[in-house]
Amino acid sequence: MDPRIRLALEILDRELDHPLLVNMISSRLGLSGSRFEHLFKLETGKGFKARVKEARLEKAKELLLDPTRRVKEVASAVGFNFPPNFTREFTRRFGQPPSKHRIPSA
């Protein structure tokens, strides 16, 4: 894998709670935004924005298993500043709202 894309993935994993914009990441890697997006998709098979959303939702799914964390806290911890957007995206991805993910199925 291209070392710049590997670094982008490391940044993504470390900074999920921060804004992760193409132009910000691409400038950190010394690439234009369009070159970064092309290279990222070529190397990972997904667009950068899609990968960011996927990573945030997967991390949220993990964090929701801690019953002491409120859904709003989890949303913020993975970079969703508006909880209704988080709930909508989580439900779209996993087929149930975040609050239901906590409840073990019988």
N, C-alpha and C. Protein backbone atom coordinates (compact mmCIF):
# COMPACT_ATOMS: atom_id res chain seq x y z
N MET A 1 0.84 -1.18 0.00
CA MET A 1 0.00 0.00 0.00
C MET A 1 0.89 1.25 0.00
N ASP A 2 0.44 2.23 -0.70
CA ASP A 2 1.15 3.51 -0.76
C ASP A 2 1.31 4.05 0.66
N PRO A 3 2.51 4.45 1.05
CA PRO A 3 2.74 4.92 2.42
C PRO A 3 1.90 6.15 2.79
N ARG A 4 1.57 6.97 1.82
CA ARG A 4 0.74 8.15 2.11
C ARG A 4 -0.68 7.74 2.49
N ILE A 5 -1.18 6.72 1.84
CA ILE A 5 -2.53 6.23 2.15
C ILE A 5 -2.52 5.50 3.48
N ARG A 6 -1.46 4.77 3.75
CA ARG A 6 -1.32 4.11 5.06
C ARG A 6 -1.33 5.17 6.16
N LEU A 7 -0.62 6.27 5.94
CA LEU A 7 -0.60 7.36 6.92
C LEU A 7 -1.99 7.99 7.06
N ALA A 8 -2.68 8.16 5.95
CA ALA A 8 -4.04 8.71 6.00
C ALA A 8 -4.95 7.82 6.84
N LEU A 9 -4.82 6.51 6.70
CA LEU A 9 -5.63 5.58 7.50
C LEU A 9 -5.26 5.65 8.98
N GLU A 10 -4.00 5.84 9.27
CA GLU A 10 -3.57 6.00 10.66
C GLU A 10 -4.14 7.29 11.25
N ILE A 11 -4.11 8.36 10.48
CA ILE A 11 -4.68 9.63 10.92
C ILE A 11 -6.17 9.45 11.18
N LEU A 12 -6.83 8.79 10.26
CA LEU A 12 -8.26 8.55 10.40
C LEU A 12 -8.56 7.81 11.70
N ASP A 13 -7.83 6.76 11.99
CA ASP A 13 -8.06 5.99 13.21
C ASP A 13 -7.79 6.80 14.47
N ARG A 14 -6.77 7.63 14.45
CA ARG A 14 -6.40 8.43 15.64
C ARG A 14 -7.32 9.62 15.86
N GLU A 15 -7.87 10.16 14.79
CA GLU A 15 -8.56 11.45 14.89
C GLU A 15 -10.03 11.38 14.50
N LEU A 16 -10.69 10.28 14.81
CA LEU A 16 -12.10 10.12 14.46
C LEU A 16 -12.98 11.21 15.03
N ASP A 17 -12.61 11.75 16.17
CA ASP A 17 -13.44 12.78 16.81
C ASP A 17 -13.19 14.18 16.25
N HIS A 18 -12.24 14.31 15.34
CA HIS A 18 -11.93 15.60 14.71
C HIS A 18 -12.53 15.65 13.30
N PRO A 19 -12.69 16.86 12.77
CA PRO A 19 -13.11 16.94 11.36
C PRO A 19 -12.05 16.30 10.47
N LEU A 20 -12.46 15.46 9.59
CA LEU A 20 -11.54 14.79 8.67
C LEU A 20 -11.95 15.14 7.24
N LEU A 21 -11.42 16.25 6.78
CA LEU A 21 -11.76 16.75 5.46
C LEU A 21 -10.66 16.38 4.47
N VAL A 22 -11.07 16.10 3.26
CA VAL A 22 -10.12 15.71 2.22
C VAL A 22 -8.99 16.71 2.09
N ASN A 23 -9.32 18.00 2.03
CA ASN A 23 -8.27 19.00 1.81
C ASN A 23 -7.30 19.09 2.99
N MET A 24 -7.79 18.85 4.20
CA MET A 24 -6.91 18.89 5.37
C MET A 24 -5.94 17.70 5.36
N ILE A 25 -6.46 16.52 5.08
CA ILE A 25 -5.62 15.32 5.08
C ILE A 25 -4.67 15.36 3.89
N SER A 26 -5.17 15.73 2.73
CA SER A 26 -4.32 15.73 1.54
C SER A 26 -3.16 16.72 1.69
N SER A 27 -3.42 17.88 2.30
CA SER A 27 -2.32 18.84 2.48
C SER A 27 -1.28 18.30 3.46
N ARG A 28 -1.72 17.55 4.47
CA ARG A 28 -0.77 16.94 5.42
C ARG A 28 0.10 15.90 4.73
N LEU A 29 -0.41 15.33 3.65
CA LEU A 29 0.33 14.30 2.93
C LEU A 29 1.08 14.84 1.71
N GLY A 30 0.93 16.13 1.46
CA GLY A 30 1.61 16.74 0.32
C GLY A 30 0.98 16.39 -1.02
N LEU A 31 -0.33 16.16 -1.02
CA LEU A 31 -1.04 15.81 -2.25
C LEU A 31 -2.16 16.82 -2.49
N SER A 32 -2.56 16.96 -3.74
CA SER A 32 -3.76 17.75 -4.01
C SER A 32 -4.97 16.93 -3.56
N GLY A 33 -6.07 17.60 -3.33
CA GLY A 33 -7.28 16.90 -2.90
C GLY A 33 -7.73 15.85 -3.89
N SER A 34 -7.72 16.20 -5.17
CA SER A 34 -8.19 15.24 -6.18
C SER A 34 -7.23 14.06 -6.32
N ARG A 35 -5.94 14.30 -6.23
CA ARG A 35 -4.96 13.21 -6.30
C ARG A 35 -5.10 12.28 -5.09
N PHE A 36 -5.29 12.87 -3.93
CA PHE A 36 -5.48 12.08 -2.72
C PHE A 36 -6.73 11.20 -2.84
N GLU A 37 -7.84 11.80 -3.25
CA GLU A 37 -9.08 11.03 -3.38
C GLU A 37 -8.92 9.88 -4.37
N HIS A 38 -8.27 10.15 -5.50
CA HIS A 38 -8.06 9.12 -6.51
C HIS A 38 -7.18 8.00 -5.95
N LEU A 39 -6.09 8.36 -5.33
CA LEU A 39 -5.16 7.38 -4.78
C LEU A 39 -5.80 6.59 -3.64
N PHE A 40 -6.56 7.28 -2.80
CA PHE A 40 -7.21 6.61 -1.67
C PHE A 40 -8.18 5.55 -2.18
N LYS A 41 -8.99 5.91 -3.16
CA LYS A 41 -9.97 4.95 -3.70
C LYS A 41 -9.26 3.79 -4.40
N LEU A 42 -8.20 4.10 -5.10
CA LEU A 42 -7.43 3.07 -5.79
C LEU A 42 -6.84 2.07 -4.79
N GLU A 43 -6.32 2.56 -3.69
CA GLU A 43 -5.67 1.71 -2.69
C GLU A 43 -6.64 0.98 -1.77
N THR A 44 -7.78 1.61 -1.43
CA THR A 44 -8.69 1.03 -0.44
C THR A 44 -9.99 0.49 -1.02
N GLY A 45 -10.29 0.90 -2.24
CA GLY A 45 -11.55 0.47 -2.85
C GLY A 45 -12.75 1.30 -2.45
N LYS A 46 -12.53 2.32 -1.61
CA LYS A 46 -13.61 3.19 -1.14
C LYS A 46 -13.15 4.64 -1.19
N GLY A 47 -14.13 5.53 -1.32
CA GLY A 47 -13.83 6.94 -1.24
C GLY A 47 -13.48 7.32 0.19
N PHE A 48 -12.76 8.41 0.36
CA PHE A 48 -12.32 8.82 1.70
C PHE A 48 -13.50 9.13 2.61
N LYS A 49 -14.47 9.88 2.12
CA LYS A 49 -15.62 10.23 2.96
C LYS A 49 -16.38 9.00 3.41
N ALA A 50 -16.56 8.04 2.51
CA ALA A 50 -17.26 6.80 2.86
C ALA A 50 -16.47 6.04 3.91
N ARG A 51 -15.17 6.01 3.79
CA ARG A 51 -14.32 5.30 4.75
C ARG A 51 -14.36 5.96 6.13
N VAL A 52 -14.39 7.29 6.14
CA VAL A 52 -14.49 8.03 7.41
C VAL A 52 -15.80 7.67 8.10
N LYS A 53 -16.90 7.73 7.37
CA LYS A 53 -18.19 7.42 7.96
C LYS A 53 -18.23 5.98 8.48
N GLU A 54 -17.71 5.06 7.68
CA GLU A 54 -17.68 3.65 8.08
C GLU A 54 -16.86 3.46 9.37
N ALA A 55 -15.70 4.09 9.44
CA ALA A 55 -14.84 3.96 10.62
C ALA A 55 -15.52 4.56 11.85
N ARG A 56 -16.17 5.69 11.69
CA ARG A 56 -16.86 6.32 12.81
C ARG A 56 -17.99 5.44 13.34
N LEU A 57 -18.76 4.88 12.43
CA LEU A 57 -19.88 4.05 12.85
C LEU A 57 -19.42 2.75 13.50
N GLU A 58 -18.36 2.15 12.98
CA GLU A 58 -17.83 0.92 13.58
C GLU A 58 -17.29 1.19 14.98
N LYS A 59 -16.61 2.30 15.15
CA LYS A 59 -16.09 2.66 16.48
C LYS A 59 -17.25 2.94 17.43
N ALA A 60 -18.28 3.61 16.94
CA ALA A 60 -19.45 3.90 17.76
C ALA A 60 -20.12 2.60 18.22
N LYS A 61 -20.22 1.65 17.33
CA LYS A 61 -20.83 0.36 17.67
C LYS A 61 -20.08 -0.28 18.84
N GLU A 62 -18.78 -0.19 18.79
CA GLU A 62 -17.92 -0.71 19.87
C GLU A 62 -18.13 0.07 21.17
N LEU A 63 -18.14 1.39 21.09
CA LEU A 63 -18.29 2.23 22.28
C LEU A 63 -19.65 2.08 22.94
N LEU A 64 -20.67 1.79 22.15
CA LEU A 64 -22.02 1.66 22.69
C LEU A 64 -22.17 0.44 23.59
N LEU A 65 -21.25 -0.48 23.52
CA LEU A 65 -21.31 -1.66 24.40
C LEU A 65 -21.04 -1.31 25.86
N ASP A 66 -20.48 -0.12 26.09
CA ASP A 66 -20.25 0.36 27.45
C ASP A 66 -21.54 1.04 27.92
N PRO A 67 -22.27 0.40 28.85
CA PRO A 67 -23.57 0.94 29.27
C PRO A 67 -23.48 2.26 30.04
N THR A 68 -22.29 2.65 30.44
CA THR A 68 -22.16 3.91 31.17
C THR A 68 -22.07 5.11 30.23
N ARG A 69 -21.88 4.86 28.95
CA ARG A 69 -21.77 5.96 27.97
C ARG A 69 -23.13 6.26 27.36
N ARG A 70 -23.49 7.53 27.35
CA ARG A 70 -24.74 7.94 26.71
C ARG A 70 -24.53 7.98 25.20
N VAL A 71 -25.60 7.81 24.47
CA VAL A 71 -25.55 7.82 23.01
C VAL A 71 -24.96 9.14 22.52
N LYS A 72 -25.34 10.23 23.15
CA LYS A 72 -24.83 11.55 22.76
C LYS A 72 -23.30 11.61 22.94
N GLU A 73 -22.79 11.02 24.01
CA GLU A 73 -21.34 10.99 24.25
C GLU A 73 -20.63 10.17 23.18
N VAL A 74 -21.21 9.05 22.84
CA VAL A 74 -20.61 8.19 21.81
C VAL A 74 -20.59 8.93 20.48
N ALA A 75 -21.69 9.57 20.14
CA ALA A 75 -21.75 10.33 18.89
C ALA A 75 -20.63 11.36 18.83
N SER A 76 -20.45 12.09 19.90
CA SER A 76 -19.40 13.11 19.95
C SER A 76 -18.01 12.49 19.88
N ALA A 77 -17.83 11.35 20.54
CA ALA A 77 -16.52 10.69 20.58
C ALA A 77 -16.07 10.21 19.21
N VAL A 78 -17.01 10.03 18.29
CA VAL A 78 -16.64 9.56 16.95
C VAL A 78 -16.86 10.64 15.88
N GLY A 79 -17.04 11.88 16.32
CA GLY A 79 -17.06 12.99 15.37
C GLY A 79 -18.41 13.41 14.84
N PHE A 80 -19.49 12.92 15.42
CA PHE A 80 -20.83 13.39 15.04
C PHE A 80 -21.24 14.46 16.04
N ASN A 81 -21.35 15.70 15.57
CA ASN A 81 -21.69 16.80 16.47
C ASN A 81 -23.18 17.00 16.63
N PHE A 82 -23.98 16.34 15.80
CA PHE A 82 -25.44 16.47 15.86
C PHE A 82 -26.02 15.07 16.04
N PRO A 83 -26.41 14.73 17.28
CA PRO A 83 -26.87 13.36 17.57
C PRO A 83 -27.93 12.80 16.62
N PRO A 84 -28.91 13.60 16.16
CA PRO A 84 -29.87 13.01 15.22
C PRO A 84 -29.23 12.48 13.92
N ASN A 85 -28.18 13.16 13.45
CA ASN A 85 -27.47 12.66 12.27
C ASN A 85 -26.79 11.33 12.59
N PHE A 86 -26.21 11.24 13.77
CA PHE A 86 -25.57 10.01 14.20
C PHE A 86 -26.59 8.87 14.24
N THR A 87 -27.73 9.12 14.87
CA THR A 87 -28.77 8.09 14.98
C THR A 87 -29.23 7.64 13.61
N ARG A 88 -29.45 8.58 12.71
CA ARG A 88 -29.89 8.24 11.35
C ARG A 88 -28.85 7.39 10.63
N GLU A 89 -27.59 7.79 10.68
CA GLU A 89 -26.54 7.05 9.99
C GLU A 89 -26.30 5.68 10.62
N PHE A 90 -26.35 5.61 11.94
CA PHE A 90 -26.16 4.34 12.64
C PHE A 90 -27.28 3.37 12.25
N THR A 91 -28.51 3.86 12.26
CA THR A 91 -29.66 3.03 11.91
C THR A 91 -29.57 2.56 10.47
N ARG A 92 -29.17 3.44 9.59
CA ARG A 92 -29.02 3.07 8.17
C ARG A 92 -27.97 1.97 8.01
N ARG A 93 -26.89 2.07 8.74
CA ARG A 93 -25.79 1.12 8.61
C ARG A 93 -26.06 -0.24 9.27
N PHE A 94 -26.66 -0.19 10.47
CA PHE A 94 -26.80 -1.42 11.25
C PHE A 94 -28.24 -1.92 11.40
N GLY A 95 -29.21 -1.18 10.88
CA GLY A 95 -30.60 -1.64 10.89
C GLY A 95 -31.33 -1.43 12.20
N GLN A 96 -30.71 -0.77 13.14
CA GLN A 96 -31.36 -0.44 14.41
C GLN A 96 -30.72 0.80 14.99
N PRO A 97 -31.48 1.56 15.79
CA PRO A 97 -30.90 2.77 16.38
C PRO A 97 -29.85 2.42 17.43
N PRO A 98 -28.99 3.36 17.74
CA PRO A 98 -27.92 3.11 18.72
C PRO A 98 -28.46 2.63 20.07
N SER A 99 -29.58 3.16 20.50
CA SER A 99 -30.12 2.76 21.81
C SER A 99 -30.50 1.28 21.83
N LYS A 100 -30.93 0.72 20.72
CA LYS A 100 -31.29 -0.69 20.64
C LYS A 100 -30.06 -1.59 20.54
N HIS A 101 -28.96 -1.04 20.07
CA HIS A 101 -27.72 -1.82 19.94
C HIS A 101 -27.22 -2.27 21.31
N ARG A 102 -27.54 -1.49 22.33
CA ARG A 102 -27.09 -1.80 23.69
C ARG A 102 -27.81 -3.01 24.28
N ILE A 103 -29.03 -3.24 23.83
CA ILE A 103 -29.86 -4.29 24.42
C ILE A 103 -29.51 -5.64 23.80
N PRO A 104 -29.03 -6.59 24.60
CA PRO A 104 -28.70 -7.91 24.03
C PRO A 104 -29.97 -8.59 23.53
N SER A 105 -29.87 -9.20 22.36
CA SER A 105 -31.03 -9.89 21.82
C SER A 105 -31.19 -11.24 22.52
N ALA A 106 -32.43 -11.58 22.77
CA ALA A 106 -32.71 -12.82 23.50
C ALA A 106 -32.86 -14.01 22.57
